Amino acid sequence: MCNCIDIIPQSKECYDQMVVIEIPKHMSKYKNNRVKSGLGKHVAIDPCIFIEIWQLWKKGITTYGCCCGHNKLEPFVNVDKKNIKQMLKMGYIPNHYDLTRNDTFRLKSVQFP
């Protein structure tokens, strides 16, 4: 369970507590596309899952979005399709809320209540 008490996903309170970090070098294509579309070269990550996302980046995993769930939704990370097999080998479980997507995985560092 994360420390998000009564924090609504995508609310001001949610964004105020996030860790803002530059997108890593191995994700330069994603970073460049974000900059071209006006979004910038940084991403905001929930603090309770930051270390897990950073560890995935260190292993070369390209992520496209993540959320701790704020004790309201199941924590998840979206990864590039080229990383799906690697995620499965590392013991990640596909997110069961959307079985039409195979690139969304449950996070290990935060348990859903």
PDB file of N, CA and C in Angstrom:
ATOM      1  N   MET A   1       0.845  -1.179   0.000  1.00  0.00           N
ATOM      2  CA  MET A   1       0.000   0.000   0.000  1.00  0.00           C
ATOM      3  C   MET A   1       0.891   1.243   0.000  1.00  0.00           C
ATOM      4  N   CYS A   2       0.539   2.231  -0.811  1.00  0.00           N
ATOM      5  CA  CYS A   2       1.358   3.431  -0.860  1.00  0.00           C
ATOM      6  C   CYS A   2       0.851   4.454   0.161  1.00  0.00           C
ATOM      7  N   ASN A   3       1.570   5.550   0.268  1.00  0.00           N
ATOM      8  CA  ASN A   3       1.224   6.588   1.240  1.00  0.00           C
ATOM      9  C   ASN A   3       0.221   7.606   0.710  1.00  0.00           C
ATOM     10  N   CYS A   4      -0.359   7.342  -0.430  1.00  0.00           N
ATOM     11  CA  CYS A   4      -1.348   8.264  -0.989  1.00  0.00           C
ATOM     12  C   CYS A   4      -2.673   8.090  -0.241  1.00  0.00           C
ATOM     13  N   ILE A   5      -2.926   8.982   0.675  1.00  0.00           N
ATOM     14  CA  ILE A   5      -4.167   8.943   1.446  1.00  0.00           C
ATOM     15  C   ILE A   5      -5.080  10.031   0.891  1.00  0.00           C
ATOM     16  N   ASP A   6      -6.221   9.626   0.389  1.00  0.00           N
ATOM     17  CA  ASP A   6      -7.208  10.560  -0.172  1.00  0.00           C
ATOM     18  C   ASP A   6      -6.636  11.442  -1.273  1.00  0.00           C
ATOM     19  N   ILE A   7      -5.703  10.917  -2.051  1.00  0.00           N
ATOM     20  CA  ILE A   7      -5.176  11.655  -3.197  1.00  0.00           C
ATOM     21  C   ILE A   7      -5.836  11.093  -4.447  1.00  0.00           C
ATOM     22  N   ILE A   8      -6.515  11.945  -5.166  1.00  0.00           N
ATOM     23  CA  ILE A   8      -7.217  11.540  -6.375  1.00  0.00           C
ATOM     24  C   ILE A   8      -6.227  11.510  -7.534  1.00  0.00           C
ATOM     25  N   PRO A   9      -6.172  10.388  -8.279  1.00  0.00           N
ATOM     26  CA  PRO A   9      -5.272  10.332  -9.429  1.00  0.00           C
ATOM     27  C   PRO A   9      -5.499  11.517 -10.368  1.00  0.00           C
ATOM     28  N   GLN A  10      -4.412  12.086 -10.857  1.00  0.00           N
ATOM     29  CA  GLN A  10      -4.372  13.212 -11.783  1.00  0.00           C
ATOM     30  C   GLN A  10      -4.863  14.531 -11.175  1.00  0.00           C
ATOM     31  N   SER A  11      -4.962  14.603  -9.855  1.00  0.00           N
ATOM     32  CA  SER A  11      -5.344  15.855  -9.199  1.00  0.00           C
ATOM     33  C   SER A  11      -4.101  16.697  -8.928  1.00  0.00           C
ATOM     34  N   LYS A  12      -4.284  17.939  -8.518  1.00  0.00           N
ATOM     35  CA  LYS A  12      -3.161  18.818  -8.176  1.00  0.00           C
ATOM     36  C   LYS A  12      -2.338  18.208  -7.045  1.00  0.00           C
ATOM     37  N   GLU A  13      -3.001  17.665  -6.028  1.00  0.00           N
ATOM     38  CA  GLU A  13      -2.298  17.040  -4.901  1.00  0.00           C
ATOM     39  C   GLU A  13      -1.442  15.870  -5.376  1.00  0.00           C
ATOM     40  N   CYS A  14      -1.944  15.156  -6.359  1.00  0.00           N
ATOM     41  CA  CYS A  14      -1.210  14.019  -6.921  1.00  0.00           C
ATOM     42  C   CYS A  14       0.075  14.510  -7.586  1.00  0.00           C
ATOM     43  N   TYR A  15      -0.036  15.504  -8.445  1.00  0.00           N
ATOM     44  CA  TYR A  15       1.134  16.001  -9.166  1.00  0.00           C
ATOM     45  C   TYR A  15       2.114  16.745  -8.261  1.00  0.00           C
ATOM     46  N   ASP A  16       1.624  17.387  -7.219  1.00  0.00           N
ATOM     47  CA  ASP A  16       2.502  18.119  -6.307  1.00  0.00           C
ATOM     48  C   ASP A  16       3.498  17.216  -5.590  1.00  0.00           C
ATOM     49  N   GLN A  17       3.151  15.957  -5.372  1.00  0.00           N
ATOM     50  CA  GLN A  17       4.015  15.057  -4.619  1.00  0.00           C
ATOM     51  C   GLN A  17       4.932  14.212  -5.500  1.00  0.00           C
ATOM     52  N   MET A  18       4.838  14.326  -6.797  1.00  0.00           N
ATOM     53  CA  MET A  18       5.601  13.469  -7.703  1.00  0.00           C
ATOM     54  C   MET A  18       7.080  13.857  -7.809  1.00  0.00           C
ATOM     55  N   VAL A  19       7.884  12.857  -8.185  1.00  0.00           N
ATOM     56  CA  VAL A  19       9.301  13.060  -8.471  1.00  0.00           C
ATOM     57  C   VAL A  19       9.392  13.394  -9.959  1.00  0.00           C
ATOM     58  N   VAL A  20      10.011  14.520 -10.276  1.00  0.00           N
ATOM     59  CA  VAL A  20      10.176  14.922 -11.672  1.00  0.00           C
ATOM     60  C   VAL A  20      11.624  14.641 -12.070  1.00  0.00           C
ATOM     61  N   ILE A  21      11.783  13.887 -13.147  1.00  0.00           N
ATOM     62  CA  ILE A  21      13.118  13.455 -13.569  1.00  0.00           C
ATOM     63  C   ILE A  21      13.195  13.448 -15.095  1.00  0.00           C
ATOM     64  N   GLU A  22      14.397  13.709 -15.595  1.00  0.00           N
ATOM     65  CA  GLU A  22      14.591  13.675 -17.043  1.00  0.00           C
ATOM     66  C   GLU A  22      14.505  12.240 -17.555  1.00  0.00           C
ATOM     67  N   ILE A  23      13.912  12.091 -18.694  1.00  0.00           N
ATOM     68  CA  ILE A  23      13.786  10.783 -19.326  1.00  0.00           C
ATOM     69  C   ILE A  23      15.194  10.268 -19.651  1.00  0.00           C
ATOM     70  N   PRO A  24      15.484   8.998 -19.317  1.00  0.00           N
ATOM     71  CA  PRO A  24      16.844   8.474 -19.508  1.00  0.00           C
ATOM     72  C   PRO A  24      17.259   8.349 -20.978  1.00  0.00           C
ATOM     73  N   LYS A  25      18.566   8.255 -21.186  1.00  0.00           N
ATOM     74  CA  LYS A  25      19.143   8.232 -22.532  1.00  0.00           C
ATOM     75  C   LYS A  25      18.629   7.082 -23.387  1.00  0.00           C
ATOM     76  N   HIS A  26      18.421   5.912 -22.785  1.00  0.00           N
ATOM     77  CA  HIS A  26      17.978   4.771 -23.597  1.00  0.00           C
ATOM     78  C   HIS A  26      16.566   4.971 -24.146  1.00  0.00           C
ATOM     79  N   MET A  27      15.873   5.992 -23.677  1.00  0.00           N
ATOM     80  CA  MET A  27      14.523   6.301 -24.145  1.00  0.00           C
ATOM     81  C   MET A  27      14.522   7.593 -24.968  1.00  0.00           C
ATOM     82  N   SER A  28      15.604   7.842 -25.699  1.00  0.00           N
ATOM     83  CA  SER A  28      15.761   9.108 -26.419  1.00  0.00           C
ATOM     84  C   SER A  28      14.692   9.314 -27.498  1.00  0.00           C
ATOM     85  N   LYS A  29      14.271   8.263 -28.165  1.00  0.00           N
ATOM     86  CA  LYS A  29      13.223   8.406 -29.191  1.00  0.00           C
ATOM     87  C   LYS A  29      11.922   8.903 -28.544  1.00  0.00           C
ATOM     88  N   TYR A  30      11.552   8.294 -27.434  1.00  0.00           N
ATOM     89  CA  TYR A  30      10.359   8.715 -26.687  1.00  0.00           C
ATOM     90  C   TYR A  30      10.512  10.162 -26.211  1.00  0.00           C
ATOM     91  N   LYS A  31      11.677  10.463 -25.674  1.00  0.00           N
ATOM     92  CA  LYS A  31      11.966  11.810 -25.173  1.00  0.00           C
ATOM     93  C   LYS A  31      11.841  12.842 -26.300  1.00  0.00           C
ATOM     94  N   ASN A  32      12.454  12.560 -27.442  1.00  0.00           N
ATOM     95  CA  ASN A  32      12.394  13.481 -28.573  1.00  0.00           C
ATOM     96  C   ASN A  32      10.959  13.682 -29.066  1.00  0.00           C
ATOM     97  N   ASN A  33      10.188  12.615 -29.107  1.00  0.00           N
ATOM     98  CA  ASN A  33       8.784  12.734 -29.516  1.00  0.00           C
ATOM     99  C   ASN A  33       7.989  13.598 -28.544  1.00  0.00           C
ATOM    100  N   ARG A  34       8.274  13.462 -27.252  1.00  0.00           N
ATOM    101  CA  ARG A  34       7.592  14.291 -26.250  1.00  0.00           C
ATOM    102  C   ARG A  34       7.959  15.764 -26.433  1.00  0.00           C
ATOM    103  N   VAL A  35       9.237  16.028 -26.650  1.00  0.00           N
ATOM    104  CA  VAL A  35       9.693  17.412 -26.825  1.00  0.00           C
ATOM    105  C   VAL A  35       9.042  18.023 -28.064  1.00  0.00           C
ATOM    106  N   LYS A  36       9.007  17.257 -29.163  1.00  0.00           N
ATOM    107  CA  LYS A  36       8.387  17.748 -30.399  1.00  0.00           C
ATOM    108  C   LYS A  36       6.911  18.085 -30.204  1.00  0.00           C
ATOM    109  N   SER A  37       6.239  17.327 -29.354  1.00  0.00           N
ATOM    110  CA  SER A  37       4.812  17.571 -29.142  1.00  0.00           C
ATOM    111  C   SER A  37       4.551  18.592 -28.033  1.00  0.00           C
ATOM    112  N   GLY A  38       5.630  19.149 -27.460  1.00  0.00           N
ATOM    113  CA  GLY A  38       5.484  20.198 -26.458  1.00  0.00           C
ATOM    114  C   GLY A  38       5.369  19.720 -25.019  1.00  0.00           C
ATOM    115  N   LEU A  39       5.609  18.441 -24.769  1.00  0.00           N
ATOM    116  CA  LEU A  39       5.470  17.900 -23.409  1.00  0.00           C
ATOM    117  C   LEU A  39       6.735  18.027 -22.569  1.00  0.00           C
ATOM    118  N   GLY A  40       7.880  18.190 -23.183  1.00  0.00           N
ATOM    119  CA  GLY A  40       9.104  18.338 -22.412  1.00  0.00           C
ATOM    120  C   GLY A  40       9.867  17.039 -22.252  1.00  0.00           C
ATOM    121  N   LYS A  41      11.087  17.161 -21.695  1.00  0.00           N
ATOM    122  CA  LYS A  41      11.990  16.007 -21.574  1.00  0.00           C
ATOM    123  C   LYS A  41      11.995  15.392 -20.184  1.00  0.00           C
ATOM    124  N   HIS A  42      11.062  15.782 -19.334  1.00  0.00           N
ATOM    125  CA  HIS A  42      10.952  15.235 -17.983  1.00  0.00           C
ATOM    126  C   HIS A  42       9.619  14.505 -17.812  1.00  0.00           C
ATOM    127  N   VAL A  43       9.608  13.546 -16.903  1.00  0.00           N
ATOM    128  CA  VAL A  43       8.368  12.860 -16.537  1.00  0.00           C
ATOM    129  C   VAL A  43       8.184  12.957 -15.027  1.00  0.00           C
ATOM    130  N   ALA A  44       6.948  12.858 -14.604  1.00  0.00           N
ATOM    131  CA  ALA A  44       6.611  12.883 -13.174  1.00  0.00           C
ATOM    132  C   ALA A  44       6.206  11.467 -12.757  1.00  0.00           C
ATOM    133  N   ILE A  45       6.818  11.003 -11.670  1.00  0.00           N
ATOM    134  CA  ILE A  45       6.588   9.633 -11.193  1.00  0.00           C
ATOM    135  C   ILE A  45       6.176   9.689  -9.730  1.00  0.00           C
ATOM    136  N   ASP A  46       5.182   8.882  -9.375  1.00  0.00           N
ATOM    137  CA  ASP A  46       4.772   8.798  -7.975  1.00  0.00           C
ATOM    138  C   ASP A  46       5.970   8.373  -7.134  1.00  0.00           C
ATOM    139  N   PRO A  47       6.206   9.031  -5.992  1.00  0.00           N
ATOM    140  CA  PRO A  47       7.417   8.747  -5.203  1.00  0.00           C
ATOM    141  C   PRO A  47       7.497   7.312  -4.699  1.00  0.00           C
ATOM    142  N   CYS A  48       6.369   6.679  -4.436  1.00  0.00           N
ATOM    143  CA  CYS A  48       6.401   5.324  -3.887  1.00  0.00           C
ATOM    144  C   CYS A  48       6.791   4.267  -4.923  1.00  0.00           C
ATOM    145  N   ILE A  49       6.785   4.621  -6.216  1.00  0.00           N
ATOM    146  CA  ILE A  49       7.196   3.665  -7.236  1.00  0.00           C
ATOM    147  C   ILE A  49       8.437   4.122  -8.000  1.00  0.00           C
ATOM    148  N   PHE A  50       8.973   5.272  -7.628  1.00  0.00           N
ATOM    149  CA  PHE A  50      10.110   5.832  -8.362  1.00  0.00           C
ATOM    150  C   PHE A  50      11.291   4.860  -8.428  1.00  0.00           C
ATOM    151  N   ILE A  51      11.664   4.247  -7.321  1.00  0.00           N
ATOM    152  CA  ILE A  51      12.844   3.360  -7.296  1.00  0.00           C
ATOM    153  C   ILE A  51      12.623   2.169  -8.233  1.00  0.00           C
ATOM    154  N   GLU A  52      11.427   1.618  -8.231  1.00  0.00           N
ATOM    155  CA  GLU A  52      11.161   0.484  -9.112  1.00  0.00           C
ATOM    156  C   GLU A  52      11.255   0.900 -10.584  1.00  0.00           C
ATOM    157  N   ILE A  53      10.714   2.053 -10.925  1.00  0.00           N
ATOM    158  CA  ILE A  53      10.791   2.534 -12.304  1.00  0.00           C
ATOM    159  C   ILE A  53      12.242   2.806 -12.671  1.00  0.00           C
ATOM    160  N   TRP A  54      12.995   3.425 -11.788  1.00  0.00           N
ATOM    161  CA  TRP A  54      14.414   3.709 -12.025  1.00  0.00           C
ATOM    162  C   TRP A  54      15.192   2.405 -12.238  1.00  0.00           C
ATOM    163  N   GLN A  55      14.864   1.371 -11.454  1.00  0.00           N
ATOM    164  CA  GLN A  55      15.533   0.073 -11.619  1.00  0.00           C
ATOM    165  C   GLN A  55      15.200  -0.552 -12.975  1.00  0.00           C
ATOM    166  N   LEU A  56      13.953  -0.399 -13.415  1.00  0.00           N
ATOM    167  CA  LEU A  56      13.586  -0.892 -14.744  1.00  0.00           C
ATOM    168  C   LEU A  56      14.383  -0.150 -15.820  1.00  0.00           C
ATOM    169  N   TRP A  57      14.507   1.160 -15.659  1.00  0.00           N
ATOM    170  CA  TRP A  57      15.296   1.952 -16.620  1.00  0.00           C
ATOM    171  C   TRP A  57      16.740   1.473 -16.655  1.00  0.00           C
ATOM    172  N   LYS A  58      17.314   1.175 -15.487  1.00  0.00           N
ATOM    173  CA  LYS A  58      18.703   0.693 -15.431  1.00  0.00           C
ATOM    174  C   LYS A  58      18.874  -0.612 -16.201  1.00  0.00           C
ATOM    175  N   LYS A  59      17.807  -1.388 -16.315  1.00  0.00           N
ATOM    176  CA  LYS A  59      17.842  -2.653 -17.048  1.00  0.00           C
ATOM    177  C   LYS A  59      17.507  -2.453 -18.526  1.00  0.00           C
ATOM    178  N   GLY A  60      17.324  -1.196 -18.934  1.00  0.00           N
ATOM    179  CA  GLY A  60      17.044  -0.904 -20.332  1.00  0.00           C
ATOM    180  C   GLY A  60      15.583  -0.972 -20.733  1.00  0.00           C
ATOM    181  N   ILE A  61      14.699  -1.106 -19.760  1.00  0.00           N
ATOM    182  CA  ILE A  61      13.263  -1.157 -20.054  1.00  0.00           C
ATOM    183  C   ILE A  61      12.784   0.246 -20.424  1.00  0.00           C
ATOM    184  N   THR A  62      12.043   0.336 -21.513  1.00  0.00           N
ATOM    185  CA  THR A  62      11.437   1.598 -21.921  1.00  0.00           C
ATOM    186  C   THR A  62      10.015   1.633 -21.375  1.00  0.00           C
ATOM    187  N   THR A  63       9.735   2.641 -20.565  1.00  0.00           N
ATOM    188  CA  THR A  63       8.402   2.780 -19.979  1.00  0.00           C
ATOM    189  C   THR A  63       7.680   3.959 -20.622  1.00  0.00           C
ATOM    190  N   TYR A  64       6.355   3.851 -20.701  1.00  0.00           N
ATOM    191  CA  TYR A  64       5.549   4.905 -21.308  1.00  0.00           C
ATOM    192  C   TYR A  64       4.508   5.474 -20.359  1.00  0.00           C
ATOM    193  N   GLY A  65       4.523   5.092 -19.159  1.00  0.00           N
ATOM    194  CA  GLY A  65       3.561   5.597 -18.191  1.00  0.00           C
ATOM    195  C   GLY A  65       3.495   4.646 -17.023  1.00  0.00           C
ATOM    196  N   CYS A  66       3.219   5.198 -15.859  1.00  0.00           N
ATOM    197  CA  CYS A  66       3.113   4.381 -14.665  1.00  0.00           C
ATOM    198  C   CYS A  66       2.286   5.140 -13.635  1.00  0.00           C
ATOM    199  N   CYS A  67       1.771   4.397 -12.676  1.00  0.00           N
ATOM    200  CA  CYS A  67       0.989   5.015 -11.601  1.00  0.00           C
ATOM    201  C   CYS A  67       0.964   4.066 -10.411  1.00  0.00           C
ATOM    202  N   CYS A  68       1.069   4.614  -9.216  1.00  0.00           N
ATOM    203  CA  CYS A  68       1.006   3.782  -8.010  1.00  0.00           C
ATOM    204  C   CYS A  68      -0.434   3.362  -7.710  1.00  0.00           C
ATOM    205  N   GLY A  69      -1.387   4.009  -8.348  1.00  0.00           N
ATOM    206  CA  GLY A  69      -2.793   3.676  -8.142  1.00  0.00           C
ATOM    207  C   GLY A  69      -3.455   4.458  -7.030  1.00  0.00           C
ATOM    208  N   HIS A  70      -2.650   5.097  -6.177  1.00  0.00           N
ATOM    209  CA  HIS A  70      -3.163   5.946  -5.091  1.00  0.00           C
ATOM    210  C   HIS A  70      -4.172   5.221  -4.199  1.00  0.00           C
ATOM    211  N   ASN A  71      -3.948   3.928  -4.012  1.00  0.00           N
ATOM    212  CA  ASN A  71      -4.815   3.071  -3.196  1.00  0.00           C
ATOM    213  C   ASN A  71      -6.241   2.993  -3.730  1.00  0.00           C
ATOM    214  N   LYS A  72      -6.424   3.396  -4.988  1.00  0.00           N
ATOM    215  CA  LYS A  72      -7.743   3.347  -5.607  1.00  0.00           C
ATOM    216  C   LYS A  72      -7.752   2.435  -6.832  1.00  0.00           C
ATOM    217  N   LEU A  73      -6.593   2.309  -7.474  1.00  0.00           N
ATOM    218  CA  LEU A  73      -6.437   1.507  -8.682  1.00  0.00           C
ATOM    219  C   LEU A  73      -5.210   0.619  -8.527  1.00  0.00           C
ATOM    220  N   GLU A  74      -5.130  -0.424  -9.327  1.00  0.00           N
ATOM    221  CA  GLU A  74      -3.959  -1.300  -9.284  1.00  0.00           C
ATOM    222  C   GLU A  74      -2.734  -0.569  -9.848  1.00  0.00           C
ATOM    223  N   PRO A  75      -1.599  -0.592  -9.144  1.00  0.00           N
ATOM    224  CA  PRO A  75      -0.373   0.038  -9.647  1.00  0.00           C
ATOM    225  C   PRO A  75       0.059  -0.609 -10.969  1.00  0.00           C
ATOM    226  N   PHE A  76       0.534   0.217 -11.923  1.00  0.00           N
ATOM    227  CA  PHE A  76       0.911  -0.330 -13.222  1.00  0.00           C
ATOM    228  C   PHE A  76       2.064   0.433 -13.842  1.00  0.00           C
ATOM    229  N   VAL A  77       2.667  -0.220 -14.841  1.00  0.00           N
ATOM    230  CA  VAL A  77       3.667   0.412 -15.708  1.00  0.00           C
ATOM    231  C   VAL A  77       3.410  -0.098 -17.122  1.00  0.00           C
ATOM    232  N   ASN A  78       3.441   0.818 -18.075  1.00  0.00           N
ATOM    233  CA  ASN A  78       3.351   0.466 -19.496  1.00  0.00           C
ATOM    234  C   ASN A  78       4.773   0.416 -20.036  1.00  0.00           C
ATOM    235  N   VAL A  79       5.071  -0.624 -20.799  1.00  0.00           N
ATOM    236  CA  VAL A  79       6.415  -0.769 -21.349  1.00  0.00           C
ATOM    237  C   VAL A  79       6.348  -0.895 -22.863  1.00  0.00           C
ATOM    238  N   ASP A  80       7.494  -0.683 -23.498  1.00  0.00           N
ATOM    239  CA  ASP A  80       7.593  -0.857 -24.936  1.00  0.00           C
ATOM    240  C   ASP A  80       7.388  -2.336 -25.256  1.00  0.00           C
ATOM    241  N   LYS A  81       6.787  -2.599 -26.382  1.00  0.00           N
ATOM    242  CA  LYS A  81       6.504  -3.983 -26.772  1.00  0.00           C
ATOM    243  C   LYS A  81       7.771  -4.839 -26.833  1.00  0.00           C
ATOM    244  N   LYS A  82       8.915  -4.222 -27.156  1.00  0.00           N
ATOM    245  CA  LYS A  82      10.166  -4.991 -27.225  1.00  0.00           C
ATOM    246  C   LYS A  82      10.607  -5.488 -25.842  1.00  0.00           C
ATOM    247  N   ASN A  83      10.050  -4.944 -24.778  1.00  0.00           N
ATOM    248  CA  ASN A  83      10.441  -5.313 -23.410  1.00  0.00           C
ATOM    249  C   ASN A  83       9.477  -6.284 -22.728  1.00  0.00           C
ATOM    250  N   ILE A  84       8.418  -6.700 -23.420  1.00  0.00           N
ATOM    251  CA  ILE A  84       7.409  -7.567 -22.799  1.00  0.00           C
ATOM    252  C   ILE A  84       8.023  -8.874 -22.305  1.00  0.00           C
ATOM    253  N   LYS A  85       8.799  -9.564 -23.143  1.00  0.00           N
ATOM    254  CA  LYS A  85       9.404 -10.844 -22.741  1.00  0.00           C
ATOM    255  C   LYS A  85      10.335 -10.660 -21.546  1.00  0.00           C
ATOM    256  N   GLN A  86      11.097  -9.571 -21.551  1.00  0.00           N
ATOM    257  CA  GLN A  86      12.016  -9.291 -20.441  1.00  0.00           C
ATOM    258  C   GLN A  86      11.241  -9.080 -19.142  1.00  0.00           C
ATOM    259  N   MET A  87      10.130  -8.360 -19.220  1.00  0.00           N
ATOM    260  CA  MET A  87       9.302  -8.131 -18.030  1.00  0.00           C
ATOM    261  C   MET A  87       8.768  -9.457 -17.491  1.00  0.00           C
ATOM    262  N   LEU A  88       8.296 -10.308 -18.376  1.00  0.00           N
ATOM    263  CA  LEU A  88       7.782 -11.616 -17.952  1.00  0.00           C
ATOM    264  C   LEU A  88       8.885 -12.458 -17.321  1.00  0.00           C
ATOM    265  N   LYS A  89      10.099 -12.419 -17.889  1.00  0.00           N
ATOM    266  CA  LYS A  89      11.225 -13.163 -17.326  1.00  0.00           C
ATOM    267  C   LYS A  89      11.598 -12.661 -15.936  1.00  0.00           C
ATOM    268  N   MET A  90      11.377 -11.366 -15.690  1.00  0.00           N
ATOM    269  CA  MET A  90      11.680 -10.788 -14.376  1.00  0.00           C
ATOM    270  C   MET A  90      10.543 -11.030 -13.377  1.00  0.00           C
ATOM    271  N   GLY A  91       9.515 -11.745 -13.794  1.00  0.00           N
ATOM    272  CA  GLY A  91       8.438 -12.096 -12.878  1.00  0.00           C
ATOM    273  C   GLY A  91       7.297 -11.094 -12.797  1.00  0.00           C
ATOM    274  N   TYR A  92       7.255 -10.152 -13.727  1.00  0.00           N
ATOM    275  CA  TYR A  92       6.148  -9.196 -13.729  1.00  0.00           C
ATOM    276  C   TYR A  92       4.892  -9.853 -14.268  1.00  0.00           C
ATOM    277  N   ILE A  93       3.766  -9.473 -13.701  1.00  0.00           N
ATOM    278  CA  ILE A  93       2.473 -10.039 -14.068  1.00  0.00           C
ATOM    279  C   ILE A  93       1.705  -8.999 -14.879  1.00  0.00           C
ATOM    280  N   PRO A  94       1.141  -9.411 -16.018  1.00  0.00           N
ATOM    281  CA  PRO A  94       0.330  -8.467 -16.784  1.00  0.00           C
ATOM    282  C   PRO A  94      -0.818  -7.916 -15.934  1.00  0.00           C
ATOM    283  N   ASN A  95      -1.123  -6.657 -16.142  1.00  0.00           N
ATOM    284  CA  ASN A  95      -2.217  -6.001 -15.436  1.00  0.00           C
ATOM    285  C   ASN A  95      -3.520  -6.634 -15.899  1.00  0.00           C
ATOM    286  N   HIS A  96      -4.322  -7.085 -14.970  1.00  0.00           N
ATOM    287  CA  HIS A  96      -5.535  -7.816 -15.341  1.00  0.00           C
ATOM    288  C   HIS A  96      -6.738  -6.920 -15.636  1.00  0.00           C
ATOM    289  N   TYR A  97      -6.610  -5.612 -15.492  1.00  0.00           N
ATOM    290  CA  TYR A  97      -7.749  -4.741 -15.764  1.00  0.00           C
ATOM    291  C   TYR A  97      -8.000  -4.540 -17.247  1.00  0.00           C
ATOM    292  N   ASP A  98      -7.004  -4.717 -18.076  1.00  0.00           N
ATOM    293  CA  ASP A  98      -7.168  -4.547 -19.512  1.00  0.00           C
ATOM    294  C   ASP A  98      -6.432  -5.667 -20.221  1.00  0.00           C
ATOM    295  N   LEU A  99      -7.122  -6.764 -20.420  1.00  0.00           N
ATOM    296  CA  LEU A  99      -6.492  -7.939 -21.023  1.00  0.00           C
ATOM    297  C   LEU A  99      -6.263  -7.773 -22.522  1.00  0.00           C
ATOM    298  N   THR A 100      -6.743  -6.677 -23.105  1.00  0.00           N
ATOM    299  CA  THR A 100      -6.495  -6.430 -24.520  1.00  0.00           C
ATOM    300  C   THR A 100      -5.087  -5.887 -24.735  1.00  0.00           C
ATOM    301  N   ARG A 101      -4.442  -5.428 -23.662  1.00  0.00           N
ATOM    302  CA  ARG A 101      -3.074  -4.896 -23.759  1.00  0.00           C
ATOM    303  C   ARG A 101      -2.122  -5.871 -23.092  1.00  0.00           C
ATOM    304  N   ASN A 102      -1.032  -6.191 -23.763  1.00  0.00           N
ATOM    305  CA  ASN A 102      -0.047  -7.075 -23.133  1.00  0.00           C
ATOM    306  C   ASN A 102       1.214  -6.319 -22.747  1.00  0.00           C
ATOM    307  N   ASP A 103       1.164  -4.993 -22.807  1.00  0.00           N
ATOM    308  CA  ASP A 103       2.330  -4.180 -22.468  1.00  0.00           C
ATOM    309  C   ASP A 103       2.164  -3.433 -21.148  1.00  0.00           C
ATOM    310  N   THR A 104       1.140  -3.780 -20.401  1.00  0.00           N
ATOM    311  CA  THR A 104       0.877  -3.144 -19.108  1.00  0.00           C
ATOM    312  C   THR A 104       1.056  -4.189 -18.009  1.00  0.00           C
ATOM    313  N   PHE A 105       1.905  -3.854 -17.027  1.00  0.00           N
ATOM    314  CA  PHE A 105       2.245  -4.805 -15.972  1.00  0.00           C
ATOM    315  C   PHE A 105       1.956  -4.233 -14.592  1.00  0.00           C
ATOM    316  N   ARG A 106       1.664  -5.125 -13.661  1.00  0.00           N
ATOM    317  CA  ARG A 106       1.517  -4.740 -12.257  1.00  0.00           C
ATOM    318  C   ARG A 106       2.897  -4.392 -11.708  1.00  0.00           C
ATOM    319  N   LEU A 107       2.942  -3.421 -10.838  1.00  0.00           N
ATOM    320  CA  LEU A 107       4.198  -3.089 -10.164  1.00  0.00           C
ATOM    321  C   LEU A 107       4.355  -3.969  -8.938  1.00  0.00           C
ATOM    322  N   LYS A 108       5.601  -4.225  -8.560  1.00  0.00           N
ATOM    323  CA  LYS A 108       5.888  -5.088  -7.413  1.00  0.00           C
ATOM    324  C   LYS A 108       6.041  -4.308  -6.113  1.00  0.00           C
ATOM    325  N   SER A 109       6.454  -3.034  -6.202  1.00  0.00           N
ATOM    326  CA  SER A 109       6.813  -2.281  -4.994  1.00  0.00           C
ATOM    327  C   SER A 109       5.619  -1.758  -4.209  1.00  0.00           C
ATOM    328  N   VAL A 110       4.450  -1.721  -4.820  1.00  0.00           N
ATOM    329  CA  VAL A 110       3.244  -1.212  -4.155  1.00  0.00           C
ATOM    330  C   VAL A 110       2.141  -2.235  -4.341  1.00  0.00           C
ATOM    331  N   GLN A 111       1.556  -2.653  -3.249  1.00  0.00           N
ATOM    332  CA  GLN A 111       0.472  -3.632  -3.317  1.00  0.00           C
ATOM    333  C   GLN A 111      -0.876  -2.925  -3.339  1.00  0.00           C
ATOM    334  N   PHE A 112      -1.744  -3.427  -4.172  1.00  0.00           N
ATOM    335  CA  PHE A 112      -3.100  -2.881  -4.244  1.00  0.00           C
ATOM    336  C   PHE A 112      -3.900  -3.425  -3.064  1.00  0.00           C
ATOM    337  N   PRO A 113      -4.603  -2.519  -2.377  1.00  0.00           N
ATOM    338  CA  PRO A 113      -5.358  -2.966  -1.186  1.00  0.00           C
ATOM    339  C   PRO A 113      -6.353  -4.070  -1.466  1.00  0.00           C
TER     340      PRO A 113
END
